[in-house]
Amino acid sequence: MRSILIIRLSALGDVVHVLPALAALREAFPRARIGWAVEERAATLLDGHPQIDVRHVIPRQSLERAARRGSAFTFLREASRTVGELRAGDYEVALDFQSNFRSSLLARLSGARRRIGQPAPFAKEGSRLLMTETPDPVARSVHKIERNLRLIAPLGVVPATPPRPVVPEPESSRLLAEQFVGAKPPVLVHPGVSAFGAFKAWRKEGYAALARSLGGRRVAVAWGGAAEREVALEVVALSRGAAELAPETRSVLDLAALLRRAALFVGADSGPLHLAAALGTPLVGLYGPKDPATYGPYWANARVVRKGVACSPCTLRRCARPECMTLITADEVREAALALLGA
């Protein structure tokens, strides 16, 4: 195998779930040139990644802005540049882990003759029409990491166990984390979620109550960007001095450096939780809409807190009354946290 293109554009947690497949590919094909097509929001996770030769950042935000403004010239210029960059990679095979219309179109435009995508029912928006092959179907209950590893089986890569993912740590991220953590690793909570996954969020009052209930342990609230800063500040204020604000994480690798040095992570089913699991940080995962069997923390020493409401798990993308999350109590989360902390 001479050259391989991985396509997993978003979101952060989903990109993390493809890292074991990347590790298996690199082990199987040490001399192959491996590229990865990813959108801007998750791209910093792959900064300087030692198992990737080329990172193709797909400018989704600028393409969408150009489309909204009706700027055909800007749209075509950006799209042409992106496609030209992919085609210059001269990829033999494209592995479409995302398998929606956008990702399968990129696979087709890349020029790769072999295009391997997800089987039914995980292929969406007609993506199978642009694939040349798919692996054997798997049950919905199979964890996403294992499902992704099945996608590379047509290349003859079938690892006995999922390889541990590699997450780089640049010097700037290391210094940021070490200066903040010092000699007392904190319990790191992350209340922010993406707008797309807003109904998976736990109550800000819950995080604050958790901080107050942990018996003087150091609790820090992680955040990145203006929207998450506002939520983090609310949690700190509600905690009445029990929680402190962590430094801003300007990249995913900044967050990873903090997670590596945390005593424990607490958060909802989101990218930071899956990043913590990949790093082996003990964690408490707060689950409601999604099934932990499929989307739960994979490697870490973890506890999952989940309410057994009748409609959970579900296939919704938004919910006006997410009782599966709002009914989780701070006492339940505290009990799981203390069990992992050894208290």
Protein backbone atom coordinates (compact mmCIF):
# COMPACT_ATOMS: atom_id res chain seq x y z
CA MET A 1 0.00 0.00 0.00
CA ARG A 2 1.58 3.25 -1.21
CA SER A 3 -0.87 5.99 -0.15
CA ILE A 4 -4.03 6.16 1.98
CA LEU A 5 -6.48 9.01 2.56
CA ILE A 6 -8.51 9.02 5.78
CA ILE A 7 -11.70 11.09 5.69
CA ARG A 8 -13.27 11.97 9.04
CA LEU A 9 -14.20 15.62 8.93
CA SER A 10 -15.87 16.13 12.31
CA ALA A 11 -16.70 16.20 15.18
CA LEU A 12 -13.93 16.01 17.78
CA GLY A 13 -15.15 12.85 19.49
CA ASP A 14 -15.66 11.12 16.15
CA VAL A 15 -12.15 12.08 15.03
CA VAL A 16 -10.76 10.66 18.29
CA HIS A 17 -12.60 7.41 17.56
CA VAL A 18 -10.69 7.03 14.26
CA LEU A 19 -7.23 7.36 15.87
CA PRO A 20 -6.98 3.63 16.68
CA ALA A 21 -7.63 2.81 13.02
CA LEU A 22 -4.89 5.27 12.07
CA ALA A 23 -2.48 3.55 14.47
CA ALA A 24 -3.33 0.15 12.98
CA LEU A 25 -2.80 1.45 9.44
CA ARG A 26 0.56 2.96 10.31
CA GLU A 27 1.71 -0.28 11.91
CA ALA A 28 0.55 -2.33 8.92
CA PHE A 29 1.95 0.07 6.29
CA PRO A 30 4.97 1.83 7.85
CA ARG A 31 6.16 3.27 4.52
CA ALA A 32 2.79 4.38 3.16
CA ARG A 33 1.95 8.06 2.83
CA ILE A 34 -1.14 8.66 4.98
CA GLY A 35 -3.24 11.80 4.64
CA TRP A 36 -6.25 12.89 6.68
CA ALA A 37 -9.04 15.21 5.51
CA VAL A 38 -10.56 17.05 8.48
CA GLU A 39 -12.53 20.24 9.03
CA GLU A 40 -11.18 23.24 10.95
CA ARG A 41 -12.84 22.62 14.33
CA ALA A 42 -11.17 19.25 14.93
CA ALA A 43 -8.03 19.89 12.90
CA THR A 44 -5.80 20.95 15.80
CA LEU A 45 -6.04 17.43 17.27
CA LEU A 46 -3.90 16.31 14.32
CA ASP A 47 -1.28 19.08 14.56
CA GLY A 48 2.13 17.45 14.19
CA HIS A 49 0.69 13.96 14.46
CA PRO A 50 3.56 11.47 13.99
CA GLN A 51 1.40 8.87 12.20
CA ILE A 52 0.13 11.30 9.52
CA ASP A 53 2.16 12.60 6.59
CA VAL A 54 -0.34 15.16 5.27
CA ARG A 55 -3.22 16.94 6.98
CA HIS A 56 -5.82 18.33 4.59
CA VAL A 57 -7.89 20.99 6.38
CA ILE A 58 -11.24 21.32 4.64
CA PRO A 59 -12.39 24.99 4.88
CA ARG A 60 -16.05 24.28 5.62
CA GLN A 61 -16.65 27.60 7.39
CA SER A 62 -15.30 29.73 4.56
CA LEU A 63 -17.19 27.65 1.98
CA GLU A 64 -20.43 28.09 3.91
CA ARG A 65 -19.84 31.85 4.27
CA ALA A 66 -19.24 32.16 0.55
CA ALA A 67 -22.40 30.17 -0.19
CA ARG A 68 -24.51 32.34 2.16
CA ARG A 69 -23.20 35.53 0.57
CA GLY A 70 -23.72 34.23 -2.93
CA SER A 71 -20.02 34.64 -3.71
CA ALA A 72 -19.63 32.02 -6.43
CA PHE A 73 -16.04 33.08 -7.21
CA THR A 74 -14.85 32.64 -3.61
CA PHE A 75 -16.69 29.34 -3.26
CA LEU A 76 -15.27 27.90 -6.47
CA ARG A 77 -11.76 29.15 -5.65
CA GLU A 78 -11.76 27.49 -2.21
CA ALA A 79 -13.39 24.31 -3.49
CA SER A 80 -10.96 24.07 -6.39
CA ARG A 81 -7.96 24.58 -4.13
CA THR A 82 -9.18 21.90 -1.73
CA VAL A 83 -9.88 19.34 -4.46
CA GLY A 84 -6.56 20.10 -6.13
CA GLU A 85 -4.73 19.49 -2.87
CA LEU A 86 -6.46 16.13 -2.40
CA ARG A 87 -5.81 15.02 -5.96
CA ALA A 88 -2.15 16.00 -5.68
CA GLY A 89 -1.88 13.36 -2.97
CA ASP A 90 -2.36 10.67 -5.63
CA TYR A 91 -4.11 8.42 -3.12
CA GLU A 92 -4.66 4.76 -3.94
CA VAL A 93 -7.48 4.32 -1.43
CA ALA A 94 -9.82 6.65 0.44
CA LEU A 95 -11.31 5.45 3.73
CA ASP A 96 -14.53 7.35 4.39
CA PHE A 97 -15.19 6.88 8.10
CA GLN A 98 -17.88 9.57 8.09
CA SER A 99 -19.88 8.30 5.10
CA ASN A 100 -22.27 11.16 4.46
CA PHE A 101 -22.73 13.06 1.22
CA ARG A 102 -20.03 15.64 1.99
CA SER A 103 -17.36 13.11 2.92
CA SER A 104 -18.16 10.64 0.13
CA LEU A 105 -18.02 13.45 -2.42
CA LEU A 106 -14.53 14.35 -1.18
CA ALA A 107 -13.53 10.70 -1.49
CA ARG A 108 -14.73 10.65 -5.08
CA LEU A 109 -13.09 13.97 -5.96
CA SER A 110 -9.79 12.85 -4.41
CA GLY A 111 -9.24 10.58 -7.39
CA ALA A 112 -8.73 7.46 -5.27
CA ARG A 113 -9.76 4.40 -7.26
CA ARG A 114 -10.67 2.40 -4.15
CA ARG A 115 -13.18 4.17 -1.92
CA ILE A 116 -14.24 2.26 1.18
CA GLY A 117 -17.20 3.56 3.17
CA GLN A 118 -19.43 2.51 6.03
CA PRO A 119 -21.98 -0.25 5.41
CA ALA A 120 -25.71 0.11 6.03
CA PRO A 121 -27.19 1.41 8.28
CA PHE A 122 -24.26 3.76 9.00
CA ALA A 123 -23.92 5.14 5.47
CA LYS A 124 -25.99 8.31 5.12
CA GLU A 125 -27.25 10.70 2.44
CA GLY A 126 -26.57 8.34 -0.45
CA SER A 127 -22.86 8.03 0.31
CA ARG A 128 -22.79 4.36 -0.72
CA LEU A 129 -23.39 5.40 -4.33
CA LEU A 130 -19.93 7.01 -4.40
CA MET A 131 -18.10 4.12 -2.72
CA THR A 132 -16.48 1.19 -4.52
CA GLU A 133 -16.74 -1.18 -1.53
CA THR A 134 -17.91 -1.54 2.04
CA PRO A 135 -16.98 -3.94 4.83
CA ASP A 136 -19.42 -6.47 6.22
CA PRO A 137 -22.26 -4.91 8.26
CA VAL A 138 -22.01 -4.81 12.05
CA ALA A 139 -24.63 -4.44 14.75
CA ARG A 140 -25.59 -0.96 15.96
CA SER A 141 -24.43 -1.97 19.44
CA VAL A 142 -20.80 -2.32 18.32
CA HIS A 143 -18.67 0.49 19.75
CA LYS A 144 -17.67 3.15 17.22
CA ILE A 145 -13.96 2.42 17.68
CA GLU A 146 -14.49 -1.23 16.77
CA ARG A 147 -16.79 -0.24 13.90
CA ASN A 148 -14.07 2.03 12.52
CA LEU A 149 -11.53 -0.77 12.71
CA ARG A 150 -13.85 -2.93 10.57
CA LEU A 151 -13.57 -0.28 7.84
CA ILE A 152 -9.86 -1.05 7.31
CA ALA A 153 -10.41 -4.83 7.11
CA PRO A 154 -10.70 -4.73 3.28
CA LEU A 155 -7.04 -3.62 3.29
CA GLY A 156 -6.11 -6.78 5.18
CA VAL A 157 -5.63 -4.91 8.47
CA VAL A 158 -7.39 -6.76 11.30
CA PRO A 159 -5.73 -5.96 14.65
CA ALA A 160 -6.32 -8.44 17.45
CA THR A 161 -7.04 -5.58 19.86
CA PRO A 162 -7.68 -1.88 19.16
CA PRO A 163 -4.35 -0.01 19.23
CA ARG A 164 -4.06 2.82 21.72
CA PRO A 165 -4.36 6.19 19.97
CA VAL A 166 -1.45 8.61 19.73
CA VAL A 167 -2.15 12.22 20.78
CA PRO A 168 0.78 14.63 20.31
CA GLU A 169 1.84 17.16 22.95
CA PRO A 170 3.57 20.28 21.64
CA GLU A 171 5.84 22.21 23.95
CA SER A 172 3.45 25.15 24.26
CA SER A 173 0.63 22.85 25.42
CA ARG A 174 2.89 21.10 27.91
CA LEU A 175 4.00 24.38 29.46
CA LEU A 176 0.43 25.67 29.69
CA ALA A 177 -0.71 22.54 31.52
CA GLU A 178 2.29 22.19 33.81
CA GLN A 179 2.14 25.81 34.95
CA PHE A 180 -1.54 25.51 35.81
CA VAL A 181 -1.59 22.05 37.37
CA GLY A 182 1.58 22.34 39.44
CA ALA A 183 1.83 19.76 42.20
CA LYS A 184 -1.92 19.34 42.74
CA PRO A 185 -3.74 17.65 39.84
CA PRO A 186 -7.32 18.92 39.72
CA VAL A 187 -10.63 17.27 39.05
CA LEU A 188 -11.27 18.74 35.61
CA VAL A 189 -14.88 19.34 34.61
CA HIS A 190 -15.99 20.44 31.17
CA PRO A 191 -19.57 21.76 31.06
CA GLY A 192 -19.46 22.95 27.46
CA VAL A 193 -20.94 20.98 24.56
CA SER A 194 -21.29 21.79 20.89
CA ALA A 195 -24.41 23.54 19.62
CA PHE A 196 -25.18 20.36 17.68
CA GLY A 197 -25.10 18.30 20.88
CA ALA A 198 -26.69 20.85 23.23
CA PHE A 199 -29.25 18.36 24.55
CA LYS A 200 -26.41 16.18 25.90
CA ALA A 201 -25.32 18.88 28.36
CA TRP A 202 -25.63 18.50 32.12
CA ARG A 203 -26.90 21.36 34.30
CA LYS A 204 -24.40 24.08 35.25
CA GLU A 205 -25.84 23.91 38.77
CA GLY A 206 -24.96 20.21 38.82
CA TYR A 207 -21.27 20.84 38.10
CA ALA A 208 -21.19 23.57 40.74
CA ALA A 209 -22.85 21.35 43.33
CA LEU A 210 -20.39 18.57 42.49
CA ALA A 211 -17.45 20.94 43.11
CA ARG A 212 -18.89 21.95 46.48
CA SER A 213 -19.42 18.32 47.47
CA LEU A 214 -15.92 17.02 46.79
CA GLY A 215 -14.58 17.89 50.21
CA GLY A 216 -12.04 20.55 49.38
CA ARG A 217 -10.50 18.75 46.41
CA ARG A 218 -9.18 21.04 43.70
CA VAL A 219 -11.77 21.42 40.93
CA ALA A 220 -11.08 23.29 37.70
CA VAL A 221 -13.49 24.17 34.90
CA ALA A 222 -12.05 23.69 31.40
CA TRP A 223 -13.10 25.83 28.46
CA GLY A 224 -12.07 26.99 25.01
CA GLY A 225 -13.56 29.95 23.15
CA ALA A 226 -15.96 32.72 24.14
CA ALA A 227 -19.13 30.62 24.37
CA GLU A 228 -17.55 27.99 26.62
CA ARG A 229 -15.93 30.70 28.76
CA GLU A 230 -19.35 32.13 29.61
CA VAL A 231 -20.61 28.72 30.73
CA ALA A 232 -17.42 28.02 32.68
CA LEU A 233 -17.65 31.34 34.52
CA GLU A 234 -21.24 30.56 35.50
CA VAL A 235 -20.16 27.23 36.98
CA VAL A 236 -17.33 28.91 38.90
CA ALA A 237 -19.72 31.55 40.27
CA LEU A 238 -22.34 28.98 41.27
CA SER A 239 -19.69 26.88 43.03
CA ARG A 240 -19.12 29.70 45.57
CA GLY A 241 -15.36 29.30 45.55
CA ALA A 242 -15.23 25.51 45.25
CA ALA A 243 -14.14 25.59 41.58
CA GLU A 244 -11.59 27.66 39.69
CA LEU A 245 -11.33 28.63 36.04
CA ALA A 246 -8.77 26.64 34.07
CA PRO A 247 -6.69 28.49 31.46
CA GLU A 248 -8.18 28.81 28.00
CA THR A 249 -7.40 25.88 25.75
CA ARG A 250 -6.76 27.46 22.37
CA SER A 251 -6.37 24.11 20.64
CA VAL A 252 -7.47 20.52 21.17
CA LEU A 253 -3.88 19.67 22.10
CA ASP A 254 -3.95 22.31 24.87
CA LEU A 255 -6.99 20.53 26.29
CA ALA A 256 -5.27 17.16 25.91
CA ALA A 257 -2.29 18.42 27.93
CA LEU A 258 -4.61 19.45 30.78
CA LEU A 259 -6.47 16.13 30.61
CA ARG A 260 -3.21 14.17 30.80
CA ARG A 261 -2.43 15.80 34.14
CA ALA A 262 -5.92 15.76 35.69
CA ALA A 263 -6.74 13.51 38.62
CA LEU A 264 -10.18 12.93 37.11
CA PHE A 265 -12.37 14.22 34.29
CA VAL A 266 -16.13 14.77 34.57
CA GLY A 267 -18.22 15.63 31.54
CA ALA A 268 -21.05 14.72 29.22
CA ASP A 269 -20.84 12.60 26.08
CA SER A 270 -18.70 15.00 24.04
CA GLY A 271 -15.32 15.39 22.38
CA PRO A 272 -13.41 16.22 25.58
CA LEU A 273 -14.72 13.06 27.27
CA HIS A 274 -13.57 10.84 24.40
CA LEU A 275 -10.22 12.62 24.34
CA ALA A 276 -9.83 11.97 28.08
CA ALA A 277 -10.63 8.30 27.52
CA ALA A 278 -8.06 8.05 24.73
CA LEU A 279 -5.43 9.53 27.05
CA GLY A 280 -6.28 7.08 29.85
CA THR A 281 -7.49 9.75 32.28
CA PRO A 282 -9.97 8.38 34.86
CA LEU A 283 -13.36 9.84 34.09
CA VAL A 284 -17.03 10.06 34.95
CA GLY A 285 -19.21 10.16 31.85
CA LEU A 286 -22.71 11.64 32.02
CA TYR A 287 -24.96 9.94 29.48
CA GLY A 288 -28.55 10.35 28.39
CA PRO A 289 -29.46 10.52 24.68
CA LYS A 290 -26.74 8.11 23.48
CA ASP A 291 -26.03 4.49 24.36
CA PRO A 292 -22.76 4.10 26.31
CA ALA A 293 -22.29 0.65 24.75
CA THR A 294 -21.73 2.36 21.41
CA TYR A 295 -20.53 5.84 22.38
CA GLY A 296 -19.11 5.31 25.86
CA PRO A 297 -15.53 5.79 27.09
CA TYR A 298 -13.46 2.95 25.68
CA TRP A 299 -10.10 2.66 27.44
CA ALA A 300 -10.14 4.76 30.55
CA ASN A 301 -10.88 3.75 34.11
CA ALA A 302 -14.41 5.10 33.85
CA ARG A 303 -17.79 5.26 35.52
CA VAL A 304 -20.92 6.09 33.55
CA VAL A 305 -23.82 7.88 35.25
CA ARG A 306 -27.06 7.42 33.38
CA LYS A 307 -30.74 7.66 34.28
CA GLY A 308 -32.99 4.87 33.12
CA VAL A 309 -35.71 7.00 31.55
CA ALA A 310 -37.96 5.19 29.10
CA CYS A 311 -36.90 7.16 25.99
CA SER A 312 -33.14 6.80 26.50
CA PRO A 313 -31.16 6.08 24.41
CA CYS A 314 -32.78 7.84 21.47
CA THR A 315 -32.03 8.86 17.91
CA LEU A 316 -33.07 12.50 18.30
CA ARG A 317 -30.73 15.38 17.53
CA ARG A 318 -32.49 17.86 19.79
CA CYS A 319 -34.97 17.61 22.62
CA ALA A 320 -37.03 20.24 24.46
CA ARG A 321 -37.12 18.17 27.68
CA PRO A 322 -33.94 16.10 28.01
CA GLU A 323 -34.93 14.48 31.32
CA CYS A 324 -32.28 11.82 30.75
CA MET A 325 -29.72 14.53 31.57
CA THR A 326 -31.57 16.91 33.89
CA LEU A 327 -32.51 14.09 36.30
CA ILE A 328 -28.85 13.19 36.95
CA THR A 329 -28.03 14.38 40.48
CA ALA A 330 -24.82 15.83 41.85
CA ASP A 331 -24.83 13.13 44.55
CA GLU A 332 -24.76 10.38 41.91
CA VAL A 333 -21.87 12.04 40.10
CA ARG A 334 -20.04 12.65 43.39
CA GLU A 335 -20.33 8.98 44.34
CA ALA A 336 -18.85 7.90 41.00
CA ALA A 337 -16.09 10.52 41.22
CA LEU A 338 -15.03 9.54 44.74
CA ALA A 339 -14.95 5.86 43.77
CA LEU A 340 -12.41 6.67 41.04
CA LEU A 341 -10.45 9.04 43.26
CA GLY A 342 -10.13 6.33 45.87
CA ALA A 343 -11.83 8.36 48.59
